């Protein structure tokens, strides 16, 4: 039994103890409360006195941009008095503390900088502590700019008041949102696996999971066989090699047909005469059918068969003349290369060779295999239990083995749905769904893939990553970040599941940030009193 499963079954016994161990480990094993002896925020003023700082209310601000998160704590600003800021900066990618670079704090009014303050390096990883001493009272925009080389990250806080004196500071001037709720400190977030994401509207599709295989389309997977019995010979350009690309009309080989066993001159002459007659008859029939085809009186298949019979007859005639010439030690009129030509039949690449020149073959013997990868079939096998959700799938997402990105099959584009679960395989208890699609890259026939088959139309819904959802007593719950170190437990109602995301139909608002990695640790922090206290000793 895993630790997580044991904790889920015995929460009252282990949750407080386990959380205390986690937080103690993040505090470096000192055994002291996180905020020091009193467990509170120690933000020094210009005189460095905790008592003096306590006389002014403190503000907390949390801001996000594309790259970083700012969690800022500072005493309410008063002209002429230094206020020690505690600016926690975290990289959103990987949720690591910013450990280098300079931080500039500016007070701006009407777009003009009124005062500026800078520190060249963090006090410790993730924490900058500039001292800010305003010279003018009023309402300002607080701009914090982090820079390191060519990289830059800016956070703006609007409506920051600077009071003319302490006696002008109202009792409710502190705060800033995010206080209370579940406390999970920056030092824990940085040292444990942690991450967040914004709840936002997304285009979602309901899907069912499947295992899949990419195959060459039947027209693009051709097994070339001997059209007649005879001896296999290399064509004029040489015999093809495995891996060689070929065109549909390319002659891959020639087969010299067998004649009768007699070797006397009369028999060979009769064979030439018979072959000439057979060739003339085949040629007349081909011409007659081509004329009828021009009038749409016969199907094209009949003409193709007639052309094939003519080629065979011409090859037999050439072989008969050659045999007669060899017997007479002269040329009896054979023209050009002899033997029945074997054509590729489709563009592709030779992937297998089953015979070599000089081999004696029977009609229908395998020669080689030619595969065209330009068009593929994706055969997805949906579990029988999920098959009831299939109607007429409009597409699928699939990730081929060895690929780190998801590809799309969409019948609204160039793909076609060939089959949608007509039968259940008695051995695997799965239902096949087959799409024909152009090769989206250089995928190989036979590649396996993880597939999500669409079962409905795309709809726009508020969604969060599936990793953000915890199940507590069977109820879906997410943990919302209400401030830099404050979180709230939020029961939610879920909608459709689509790949890595799930729709949320109630309990969450667009723009709220949910914990996606480490949500179970936040849940531990919410369970009972860990005895760790809350706060920093900056």
Protein backbone atom coordinates (compact mmCIF):
# COMPACT_ATOMS: atom_id res chain seq x y z
CA UNK A 1 0.00 0.00 0.00
CA UNK A 2 1.41 3.43 -0.94
CA UNK A 3 1.79 6.22 1.62
CA UNK A 4 -0.86 8.30 -0.15
CA UNK A 5 -3.40 5.45 -0.07
CA UNK A 6 -2.67 4.80 3.61
CA UNK A 7 -3.12 8.49 4.41
CA UNK A 8 -6.40 8.57 2.52
CA UNK A 9 -7.68 5.65 4.62
CA UNK A 10 -6.41 6.99 7.98
CA UNK A 11 -6.41 10.81 7.68
CA UNK A 12 -7.14 11.58 11.32
CA UNK A 13 -4.06 9.65 12.42
CA UNK A 14 -1.43 10.69 9.90
CA UNK A 15 -2.30 13.97 8.17
CA UNK A 16 -1.08 16.37 10.90
CA UNK A 17 2.10 14.39 11.52
CA UNK A 18 2.95 14.01 7.83
CA UNK A 19 2.41 17.71 7.13
CA UNK A 20 4.58 18.66 10.09
CA UNK A 21 7.39 16.45 8.74
CA UNK A 22 7.11 18.01 5.26
CA UNK A 23 7.18 21.57 6.54
CA UNK A 24 9.97 20.85 9.00
CA UNK A 25 12.04 19.42 6.14
CA UNK A 26 11.49 22.59 4.13
CA UNK A 27 12.59 24.70 7.12
CA UNK A 28 15.91 22.89 7.08
CA UNK A 29 15.14 20.74 10.11
CA UNK A 30 15.52 23.62 12.55
CA UNK A 31 12.47 22.60 14.53
CA UNK A 32 11.43 26.27 14.78
CA UNK A 33 8.14 27.67 13.53
CA UNK A 34 8.41 29.10 10.04
CA UNK A 35 7.93 32.65 11.15
CA UNK A 36 10.27 32.45 14.09
CA UNK A 37 9.21 32.34 17.71
CA UNK A 38 6.03 34.31 17.25
CA UNK A 39 5.06 32.79 13.93
CA UNK A 40 4.37 36.23 12.41
CA UNK A 41 5.75 38.29 9.51
CA UNK A 42 8.85 40.22 10.58
CA UNK A 43 9.16 43.11 8.09
CA UNK A 44 11.61 45.70 9.40
CA UNK A 45 11.13 49.39 8.85
CA UNK A 46 13.97 51.83 8.22
CA UNK A 47 14.99 51.57 11.89
CA UNK A 48 15.05 47.77 11.68
CA UNK A 49 12.61 47.50 14.61
CA UNK A 50 9.88 44.79 14.46
CA UNK A 51 7.89 46.81 17.00
CA UNK A 52 8.07 49.93 14.83
CA UNK A 53 6.95 47.95 11.77
CA UNK A 54 4.04 46.51 13.72
CA UNK A 55 2.72 50.03 14.31
CA UNK A 56 1.85 50.24 10.61
CA UNK A 57 -0.55 47.82 8.92
CA UNK A 58 0.98 45.54 6.29
CA UNK A 59 -0.18 44.98 2.73
CA UNK A 60 0.13 41.82 0.66
CA UNK A 61 -0.08 41.78 -3.12
CA UNK A 62 0.08 38.88 -5.59
CA UNK A 63 0.64 39.45 -9.30
CA UNK A 64 1.33 37.20 -12.28
CA UNK A 65 2.75 37.81 -15.74
CA UNK A 66 3.73 35.35 -18.46
CA UNK A 67 6.99 34.34 -16.78
CA UNK A 68 6.92 35.05 -13.04
CA UNK A 69 4.77 35.35 -9.96
CA UNK A 70 5.26 38.24 -7.51
CA UNK A 71 4.16 37.84 -3.90
CA UNK A 72 4.83 41.18 -2.17
CA UNK A 73 4.55 42.09 1.52
CA UNK A 74 5.26 45.58 2.82
CA UNK A 75 4.20 48.01 5.59
CA UNK A 76 1.81 50.77 4.53
CA UNK A 77 3.89 53.56 3.00
CA UNK A 78 4.47 56.84 4.91
CA UNK A 79 6.49 59.80 3.62
CA UNK A 80 9.99 60.02 5.03
CA UNK A 81 9.90 56.54 6.59
CA UNK A 82 11.67 53.49 5.19
CA UNK A 83 9.57 50.44 4.50
CA UNK A 84 11.31 47.13 4.03
CA UNK A 85 9.69 45.21 1.15
CA UNK A 86 9.61 41.41 1.01
CA UNK A 87 9.26 40.65 -2.70
CA UNK A 88 9.05 36.91 -3.45
CA UNK A 89 9.70 36.15 -7.13
CA UNK A 90 9.02 32.71 -8.61
CA UNK A 91 9.45 31.35 -12.11
CA UNK A 92 6.10 29.92 -13.25
CA UNK A 93 7.88 27.34 -15.42
CA UNK A 94 8.91 24.70 -12.89
CA UNK A 95 7.95 26.95 -9.98
CA UNK A 96 11.49 27.77 -8.90
CA UNK A 97 12.68 30.80 -6.93
CA UNK A 98 14.37 33.59 -8.89
CA UNK A 99 17.95 33.36 -7.61
CA UNK A 100 19.76 36.18 -9.44
CA UNK A 101 19.29 39.55 -11.11
CA UNK A 102 18.47 43.02 -9.82
CA UNK A 103 15.11 44.37 -8.72
CA UNK A 104 14.05 48.00 -9.20
CA UNK A 105 11.05 49.49 -7.37
CA UNK A 106 9.51 52.68 -8.76
CA UNK A 107 6.68 54.88 -7.56
CA UNK A 108 5.01 56.44 -10.60
CA UNK A 109 2.32 59.10 -11.00
CA UNK A 110 0.90 60.18 -14.35
CA UNK A 111 3.52 58.03 -16.07
CA UNK A 112 6.42 59.85 -14.40
CA UNK A 113 8.78 58.24 -11.89
CA UNK A 114 8.57 60.04 -8.55
CA UNK A 115 10.96 57.78 -6.63
CA UNK A 116 13.08 54.73 -7.41
CA UNK A 117 14.87 52.12 -5.31
CA UNK A 118 17.04 49.17 -6.37
CA UNK A 119 18.74 46.06 -5.01
CA UNK A 120 21.32 44.26 -7.13
CA UNK A 121 20.75 40.74 -5.89
CA UNK A 122 18.26 38.73 -3.85
CA UNK A 123 18.71 38.47 -0.08
CA UNK A 124 18.27 34.74 -0.58
CA UNK A 125 16.86 32.64 -3.40
CA UNK A 126 13.47 34.01 -4.36
CA UNK A 127 13.43 36.96 -1.92
CA UNK A 128 14.32 40.61 -2.56
CA UNK A 129 14.18 43.07 0.36
CA UNK A 130 14.56 46.65 -0.93
CA UNK A 131 13.98 49.55 1.47
CA UNK A 132 11.50 52.06 0.05
CA UNK A 133 11.36 55.62 1.46
CA UNK A 134 8.69 57.74 -0.28
CA UNK A 135 9.22 61.51 -0.46
CA UNK A 136 5.71 62.56 -1.47
CA UNK A 137 2.21 61.63 -0.31
CA UNK A 138 -0.49 60.60 -2.76
CA UNK A 139 -1.69 57.67 -4.86
CA UNK A 140 0.89 55.97 -7.07
CA UNK A 141 1.48 53.04 -9.38
CA UNK A 142 4.06 50.72 -7.87
CA UNK A 143 6.24 49.16 -10.61
CA UNK A 144 8.64 46.32 -9.78
CA UNK A 145 11.09 45.42 -12.57
CA UNK A 146 13.40 42.41 -12.43
CA UNK A 147 16.32 42.33 -14.88
CA UNK A 148 19.18 39.95 -15.61
CA UNK A 149 21.04 40.42 -18.87
CA UNK A 150 18.50 40.53 -21.69
CA UNK A 151 15.72 39.05 -19.56
CA UNK A 152 13.13 41.29 -17.94
CA UNK A 153 9.95 40.80 -15.90
CA UNK A 154 7.63 43.63 -14.84
CA UNK A 155 4.80 43.71 -12.29
CA UNK A 156 2.51 46.71 -11.70
CA UNK A 157 0.43 47.46 -8.61
CA UNK A 158 -2.11 50.24 -9.14
CA UNK A 159 -3.55 52.54 -6.48
CA UNK A 160 -0.80 52.36 -3.85
CA UNK A 161 -1.31 55.08 -1.20
CA UNK A 162 1.53 56.96 0.44
CA UNK A 163 0.33 58.69 3.64
CA UNK A 164 1.76 62.00 4.88
CA UNK A 165 2.24 60.68 8.42
CA UNK A 166 1.48 57.78 10.67
CA UNK A 167 -1.47 59.52 12.20
CA UNK A 168 -3.09 59.61 8.72
CA UNK A 169 -2.92 55.85 8.26
CA UNK A 170 -6.41 54.32 8.77
CA UNK A 171 -6.71 51.13 10.77
CA UNK A 172 -7.95 49.21 7.73
CA UNK A 173 -5.17 50.36 5.39
CA UNK A 174 -3.50 46.92 5.35
CA UNK A 175 -4.65 43.71 3.77
CA UNK A 176 -4.73 43.32 0.03
CA UNK A 177 -6.59 40.06 -0.39
CA UNK A 178 -5.62 36.45 -0.05
CA UNK A 179 -5.32 36.42 3.74
CA UNK A 180 -6.72 33.52 5.69
CA UNK A 181 -7.72 30.19 4.23
CA UNK A 182 -5.09 27.50 3.85
CA UNK A 183 -1.51 28.65 4.42
CA UNK A 184 1.17 27.09 2.23
CA UNK A 185 4.35 29.15 2.33
CA UNK A 186 6.64 30.11 -0.53
CA UNK A 187 9.52 28.18 1.00
CA UNK A 188 7.39 25.00 0.87
CA UNK A 189 6.18 25.73 -2.65
CA UNK A 190 9.75 26.16 -3.91
CA UNK A 191 11.14 23.03 -2.33
CA UNK A 192 8.27 20.64 -3.08
CA UNK A 193 6.77 19.70 -6.47
CA UNK A 194 4.36 22.55 -7.14
CA UNK A 195 2.58 24.28 -10.01
CA UNK A 196 -0.57 26.25 -10.86
CA UNK A 197 -2.73 27.00 -13.91
CA UNK A 198 -5.43 29.52 -14.75
CA UNK A 199 -9.02 28.33 -15.15
CA UNK A 200 -10.00 29.50 -18.62
CA UNK A 201 -12.44 28.79 -21.39
CA UNK A 202 -11.25 26.13 -23.80
CA UNK A 203 -12.61 24.30 -26.79
CA UNK A 204 -13.21 20.79 -25.47
CA UNK A 205 -14.35 17.56 -27.09
CA UNK A 206 -15.60 14.46 -25.36
CA UNK A 207 -13.34 11.53 -26.24
CA UNK A 208 -12.82 7.85 -25.51
CA UNK A 209 -9.38 6.26 -25.07
CA UNK A 210 -8.07 3.73 -27.57
CA UNK A 211 -4.90 1.99 -28.64
CA UNK A 212 -3.97 2.48 -32.27
CA UNK A 213 -1.73 1.39 -35.11
CA UNK A 214 -0.73 3.31 -38.23
CA UNK A 215 -0.85 1.15 -41.34
CA UNK A 216 -0.19 1.76 -45.01
CA UNK A 217 -3.40 2.09 -47.02
CA UNK A 218 -4.14 -1.13 -48.98
CA UNK A 219 -3.53 0.69 -52.26
CA UNK A 220 -0.16 1.80 -50.93
CA UNK A 221 1.01 -1.59 -49.62
CA UNK A 222 1.55 -3.73 -52.70
CA UNK A 223 2.97 -7.22 -52.76
CA UNK A 224 4.44 -7.65 -56.22
CA UNK A 225 4.01 -11.21 -57.59
CA UNK A 226 5.01 -13.07 -60.75
CA UNK A 227 2.32 -12.60 -63.45
CA UNK A 228 3.51 -15.73 -65.30
CA UNK A 229 5.72 -18.71 -64.62
CA UNK A 230 9.28 -18.35 -65.81
CA UNK A 231 12.78 -17.21 -65.04
CA UNK A 232 13.30 -13.90 -63.17
CA UNK A 233 15.63 -11.46 -64.92
CA UNK A 234 16.87 -7.97 -64.03
CA UNK A 235 15.41 -5.12 -66.12
CA UNK A 236 17.45 -2.64 -68.16
CA UNK A 237 18.17 -0.34 -65.16
CA UNK A 238 19.17 -3.16 -62.83
CA UNK A 239 17.28 -5.12 -60.17
CA UNK A 240 15.89 -2.92 -57.34
CA UNK A 241 17.34 -2.96 -53.81
CA UNK A 242 15.55 -2.79 -50.47
CA UNK A 243 14.89 0.84 -49.52
CA UNK A 244 14.94 2.09 -53.11
CA UNK A 245 12.12 4.50 -54.08
CA UNK A 246 10.16 3.50 -57.19
CA UNK A 247 7.43 5.01 -59.39
CA UNK A 248 4.15 3.34 -60.33
CA UNK A 249 5.15 2.66 -63.96
CA UNK A 250 8.72 1.57 -63.26
CA UNK A 251 9.72 -1.89 -64.54
CA UNK A 252 11.08 -3.69 -61.49
CA UNK A 253 11.92 -7.00 -63.17
CA UNK A 254 11.24 -9.15 -66.22
CA UNK A 255 10.12 -12.76 -66.34
CA UNK A 256 11.07 -14.91 -69.32
CA UNK A 257 8.09 -17.28 -69.73
CA UNK A 258 8.60 -21.02 -70.12
CA UNK A 259 8.00 -22.61 -73.53
CA UNK A 260 7.29 -26.26 -74.21
CA UNK A 261 9.91 -28.93 -73.55
CA UNK A 262 10.57 -29.68 -77.26
CA UNK A 263 13.78 -28.27 -78.68
CA UNK A 264 13.53 -29.23 -82.37
CA UNK A 265 13.48 -26.47 -84.97
CA UNK A 266 9.94 -27.20 -86.15
CA UNK A 267 8.54 -26.97 -82.65
CA UNK A 268 10.26 -23.66 -82.01
CA UNK A 269 8.96 -22.23 -85.30
CA UNK A 270 5.44 -23.34 -84.44
CA UNK A 271 5.84 -21.67 -81.04
CA UNK A 272 6.84 -18.41 -82.77
CA UNK A 273 3.84 -18.62 -85.12
CA UNK A 274 1.44 -19.32 -82.25
CA UNK A 275 2.91 -16.45 -80.24
CA UNK A 276 2.56 -14.06 -83.19
CA UNK A 277 -1.08 -15.04 -83.62
CA UNK A 278 -1.75 -14.69 -79.90
CA UNK A 279 -0.10 -11.25 -79.88
CA UNK A 280 -2.08 -9.98 -82.90
CA UNK A 281 -5.34 -11.18 -81.36
CA UNK A 282 -4.51 -9.51 -78.03
CA UNK A 283 -3.60 -6.26 -79.81
CA UNK A 284 -6.85 -6.19 -81.82
CA UNK A 285 -8.89 -6.85 -78.67
CA UNK A 286 -7.11 -4.09 -76.80
CA UNK A 287 -7.78 -1.59 -79.62
CA UNK A 288 -11.44 -2.65 -79.85
CA UNK A 289 -11.99 -2.20 -76.11
CA UNK A 290 -10.23 1.19 -76.10
CA UNK A 291 -12.69 2.37 -78.74
CA UNK A 292 -15.62 1.15 -76.68
CA UNK A 293 -14.18 2.80 -73.59
CA UNK A 294 -14.10 6.14 -75.40
CA UNK A 295 -17.88 5.74 -75.82
CA UNK A 296 -18.33 4.65 -72.18
CA UNK A 297 -19.56 1.29 -73.43
CA UNK A 298 -17.21 -0.87 -71.31
CA UNK A 299 -15.64 -0.38 -67.87
CA UNK A 300 -12.02 0.72 -67.64
CA UNK A 301 -11.19 -2.57 -65.92
CA UNK A 302 -11.80 -4.48 -69.19
CA UNK A 303 -9.32 -2.28 -71.02
CA UNK A 304 -6.70 -2.72 -68.29
CA UNK A 305 -7.08 -6.51 -68.51
CA UNK A 306 -6.73 -6.39 -72.30
CA UNK A 307 -3.55 -4.33 -72.07
CA UNK A 308 -2.12 -6.84 -69.60
CA UNK A 309 -2.92 -9.75 -71.95
CA UNK A 310 -1.25 -7.87 -74.81
CA UNK A 311 1.93 -7.32 -72.76
CA UNK A 312 2.05 -11.04 -71.86
CA UNK A 313 1.52 -12.04 -75.49
CA UNK A 314 4.21 -9.64 -76.69
CA UNK A 315 6.63 -11.06 -74.12
CA UNK A 316 5.83 -14.63 -75.15
CA UNK A 317 6.46 -13.72 -78.77
CA UNK A 318 9.82 -12.10 -77.95
CA UNK A 319 10.84 -15.13 -75.89
CA UNK A 320 9.81 -17.56 -78.63
CA UNK A 321 11.78 -15.64 -81.24
CA UNK A 322 14.80 -15.53 -78.94
CA UNK A 323 14.69 -19.26 -78.34
CA UNK A 324 14.48 -19.87 -82.08
CA UNK A 325 17.38 -17.49 -82.71
CA UNK A 326 19.51 -19.21 -80.09
CA UNK A 327 18.74 -22.61 -81.62
CA UNK A 328 19.66 -21.38 -85.10
CA UNK A 329 22.69 -19.49 -83.73
CA UNK A 330 21.29 -16.34 -85.27
CA UNK A 331 18.66 -13.66 -84.85
CA UNK A 332 15.12 -14.66 -85.77
CA UNK A 333 13.79 -11.16 -85.42
CA UNK A 334 13.52 -10.64 -81.65
CA UNK A 335 13.33 -6.93 -80.89
CA UNK A 336 14.12 -5.11 -77.64
CA UNK A 337 14.20 -6.64 -74.19
CA UNK A 338 12.50 -9.97 -73.67
CA UNK A 339 10.35 -11.16 -70.81
CA UNK A 340 7.10 -10.07 -69.20
CA UNK A 341 7.65 -6.71 -67.47
CA UNK A 342 6.81 -6.56 -63.75
CA UNK A 343 5.64 -3.06 -62.80
CA UNK A 344 5.69 -1.39 -59.38
CA UNK A 345 1.98 -0.56 -59.70
CA UNK A 346 2.20 2.37 -57.23
CA UNK A 347 4.66 4.97 -56.03
CA UNK A 348 6.52 3.91 -52.92
CA UNK A 349 9.64 2.32 -51.57
CA UNK A 350 10.83 -1.29 -51.85
CA UNK A 351 10.77 -2.66 -48.30
CA UNK A 352 11.17 -6.42 -48.89
CA UNK A 353 12.78 -8.64 -51.57
CA UNK A 354 11.57 -12.25 -51.88
CA UNK A 355 13.45 -13.35 -55.01
CA UNK A 356 16.65 -12.58 -56.94
CA UNK A 357 17.47 -12.62 -60.68
CA UNK A 358 17.89 -16.14 -62.06
CA UNK A 359 15.22 -17.63 -59.80
CA UNK A 360 12.65 -19.88 -61.47
CA UNK A 361 9.17 -18.82 -60.41
CA UNK A 362 5.65 -20.17 -60.58
CA UNK A 363 2.81 -17.82 -61.42
CA UNK A 364 1.81 -15.87 -58.27
CA UNK A 365 5.14 -16.30 -56.44
CA UNK A 366 6.13 -13.26 -54.32
CA UNK A 367 8.85 -11.01 -55.74
CA UNK A 368 8.94 -7.94 -53.50
CA UNK A 369 6.86 -5.55 -51.39
CA UNK A 370 6.40 -1.85 -52.24
CA UNK A 371 4.96 0.51 -49.57
CA UNK A 372 3.73 4.09 -50.08
CA UNK A 373 3.68 6.08 -46.80
CA UNK A 374 2.07 9.22 -48.20
CA UNK A 375 -1.36 8.02 -47.06
CA UNK A 376 -1.92 5.97 -43.94
CA UNK A 377 -4.73 4.29 -42.06
CA UNK A 378 -5.10 4.92 -38.34
CA UNK A 379 -6.78 1.89 -36.81
CA UNK A 380 -7.94 2.72 -33.27
CA UNK A 381 -9.30 -0.03 -31.03
CA UNK A 382 -11.83 1.29 -28.53
CA UNK A 383 -12.61 -0.82 -25.42
CA UNK A 384 -16.01 -2.51 -25.64
CA UNK A 385 -17.16 -0.70 -22.48
CA UNK A 386 -16.62 2.69 -24.18
CA UNK A 387 -18.10 1.72 -27.54
CA UNK A 388 -21.62 2.86 -26.62
CA UNK A 389 -20.35 6.46 -26.71
CA UNK A 390 -19.28 6.13 -30.35
CA UNK A 391 -21.62 7.53 -32.98
CA UNK A 392 -19.94 8.87 -36.11
CA UNK A 393 -16.55 10.13 -34.92
CA UNK A 394 -15.41 13.29 -36.67
CA UNK A 395 -11.77 12.74 -35.80
CA UNK A 396 -9.25 11.81 -33.14
CA UNK A 397 -6.09 12.89 -31.41
CA UNK A 398 -3.17 10.49 -31.47
CA UNK A 399 0.38 10.43 -30.15
CA UNK A 400 2.67 7.99 -32.02
CA UNK A 401 5.15 6.03 -29.94
CA UNK A 402 8.34 8.05 -29.56
CA UNK A 403 6.65 11.40 -30.28
CA UNK A 404 6.23 14.15 -27.67
CA UNK A 405 3.41 15.99 -29.45
CA UNK A 406 -0.20 15.19 -30.19
CA UNK A 407 -1.41 14.95 -33.80
CA UNK A 408 -4.94 15.48 -35.08
CA UNK A 409 -7.14 13.52 -37.49
CA UNK A 410 -10.10 15.62 -38.63
CA UNK A 411 -12.65 14.52 -41.21
CA UNK A 412 -13.42 18.19 -41.84
CA UNK A 413 -9.95 18.44 -43.40
CA UNK A 414 -8.24 15.74 -45.48
CA UNK A 415 -8.98 12.68 -43.34
CA UNK A 416 -11.84 10.20 -43.99
CA UNK A 417 -13.71 7.95 -41.58
CA UNK A 418 -13.68 4.41 -43.07
CA UNK A 419 -15.21 2.39 -40.25
CA UNK A 420 -16.80 3.24 -36.91
CA UNK A 421 -17.13 0.17 -34.74
CA UNK A 422 -19.33 -2.20 -36.69
CA UNK A 423 -18.17 -5.30 -34.81
CA UNK A 424 -16.51 -6.33 -31.54
CA UNK A 425 -13.27 -8.30 -31.79
CA UNK A 426 -13.93 -11.51 -29.78
CA UNK A 427 -10.27 -11.85 -28.78
CA UNK A 428 -9.48 -8.29 -27.64
CA UNK A 429 -13.04 -7.14 -26.82
CA UNK A 430 -12.40 -3.91 -28.70
CA UNK A 431 -14.22 -2.05 -31.46
CA UNK A 432 -12.20 -0.83 -34.48
CA UNK A 433 -12.45 2.77 -35.69
CA UNK A 434 -10.45 3.40 -38.87
CA UNK A 435 -9.45 6.74 -40.42
CA UNK A 436 -7.63 7.35 -43.71
CA UNK A 437 -5.29 10.33 -43.52
CA UNK A 438 -2.29 11.91 -45.27
CA UNK A 439 0.97 11.22 -43.51
CA UNK A 440 1.42 14.27 -41.23
CA UNK A 441 5.19 13.90 -41.20
CA UNK A 442 7.49 10.96 -41.71
CA UNK A 443 5.51 8.38 -39.76
CA UNK A 444 6.27 4.73 -40.48
CA UNK A 445 3.67 2.13 -41.30
CA UNK A 446 3.24 -0.18 -38.31
CA UNK A 447 3.85 2.52 -35.67
CA UNK A 448 1.69 2.17 -32.54
CA UNK A 449 -0.07 5.19 -31.03
CA UNK A 450 -2.09 6.35 -28.05
CA UNK A 451 -5.45 7.57 -29.37
CA UNK A 452 -8.40 9.66 -28.12
CA UNK A 453 -11.39 9.22 -30.46
CA UNK A 454 -13.82 12.15 -30.59
CA UNK A 455 -17.37 11.33 -29.55
CA UNK A 456 -19.04 14.71 -29.96
CA UNK A 457 -18.77 18.24 -31.27
CA UNK A 458 -16.34 20.76 -29.80
CA UNK A 459 -17.84 23.11 -27.19
CA UNK A 460 -16.33 26.02 -25.29
CA UNK A 461 -16.29 25.46 -21.54
CA UNK A 462 -14.46 26.67 -18.47
CA UNK A 463 -11.75 24.07 -17.94
CA UNK A 464 -8.81 23.14 -15.73
CA UNK A 465 -6.12 20.49 -16.07
CA UNK A 466 -7.26 17.08 -14.86
CA UNK A 467 -4.27 17.10 -12.48
CA UNK A 468 -5.90 19.96 -10.53
CA UNK A 469 -8.87 17.83 -9.43
CA UNK A 470 -8.71 15.92 -6.15
CA UNK A 471 -11.33 13.38 -5.06
CA UNK A 472 -12.31 13.79 -1.42
CA UNK A 473 -14.98 11.38 -0.17
CA UNK A 474 -16.01 10.95 -3.81
CA UNK A 475 -16.46 14.70 -4.33
CA UNK A 476 -14.33 16.56 -6.90
CA UNK A 477 -12.36 19.39 -5.29
CA UNK A 478 -9.81 21.92 -6.53
CA UNK A 479 -7.51 24.16 -4.50
CA UNK A 480 -7.62 27.80 -5.57
CA UNK A 481 -4.66 30.13 -5.00
CA UNK A 482 -6.18 33.25 -3.42
CA UNK A 483 -2.83 34.87 -2.65
CA UNK A 484 0.87 34.14 -2.83
CA UNK A 485 0.71 31.85 0.20
CA UNK A 486 -3.05 31.44 0.67
CA UNK A 487 -5.32 28.80 -0.79
CA UNK A 488 -8.98 27.83 -0.62
CA UNK A 489 -10.64 24.44 -0.93
CA UNK A 490 -13.34 24.59 -3.61
CA UNK A 491 -15.84 21.78 -4.39
CA UNK A 492 -16.65 21.81 -8.12
CA UNK A 493 -19.02 20.19 -10.58
CA UNK A 494 -17.27 18.59 -13.55
CA UNK A 495 -18.37 18.33 -17.17
CA UNK A 496 -16.79 16.50 -20.07
CA UNK A 497 -13.27 15.11 -19.89
CA UNK A 498 -11.17 15.94 -22.94
CA UNK A 499 -7.58 14.74 -22.94
CA UNK A 500 -5.57 16.53 -20.25
CA UNK A 501 -8.44 18.92 -19.39
CA UNK A 502 -11.84 18.66 -17.74
CA UNK A 503 -14.76 21.10 -17.94
CA UNK A 504 -15.93 22.78 -14.70
CA UNK A 505 -19.63 23.70 -14.76
CA UNK A 506 -19.85 25.24 -11.28
CA UNK A 507 -17.69 26.20 -8.30
CA UNK A 508 -14.98 28.10 -10.18
CA UNK A 509 -14.71 31.41 -12.04
CA UNK A 510 -12.65 32.25 -15.12
CA UNK A 511 -9.24 33.65 -14.24
CA UNK A 512 -8.92 31.88 -10.89
CA UNK A 513 -5.66 30.01 -10.46
CA UNK A 514 -5.78 26.38 -9.35
CA UNK A 515 -3.02 24.13 -8.03
CA UNK A 516 -2.09 21.49 -10.62
CA UNK A 517 1.04 19.99 -9.05
CA UNK A 518 1.23 19.59 -5.30
CA UNK A 519 -2.53 19.92 -4.70
CA UNK A 520 -2.38 16.90 -2.38
CA UNK A 521 0.22 18.71 -0.27
CA UNK A 522 -2.07 21.73 -0.02
CA UNK A 523 -4.79 19.34 1.07
CA UNK A 524 -2.49 18.09 3.81
CA UNK A 525 -1.91 21.67 4.93
CA UNK A 526 -5.69 22.11 5.19
CA UNK A 527 -6.11 19.03 7.39
CA UNK A 528 -5.79 19.76 11.09
CA UNK A 529 -3.27 21.88 12.98
CA UNK A 530 0.26 20.95 11.99
CA UNK A 531 1.74 23.07 14.73
CA UNK A 532 4.09 24.79 12.30
CA UNK A 533 2.79 28.32 12.62
CA UNK A 534 2.58 30.72 9.71
CA UNK A 535 4.84 33.51 8.66
CA UNK A 536 8.34 34.48 7.64
CA UNK A 537 11.45 35.68 9.31
CA UNK A 538 12.76 37.90 6.50
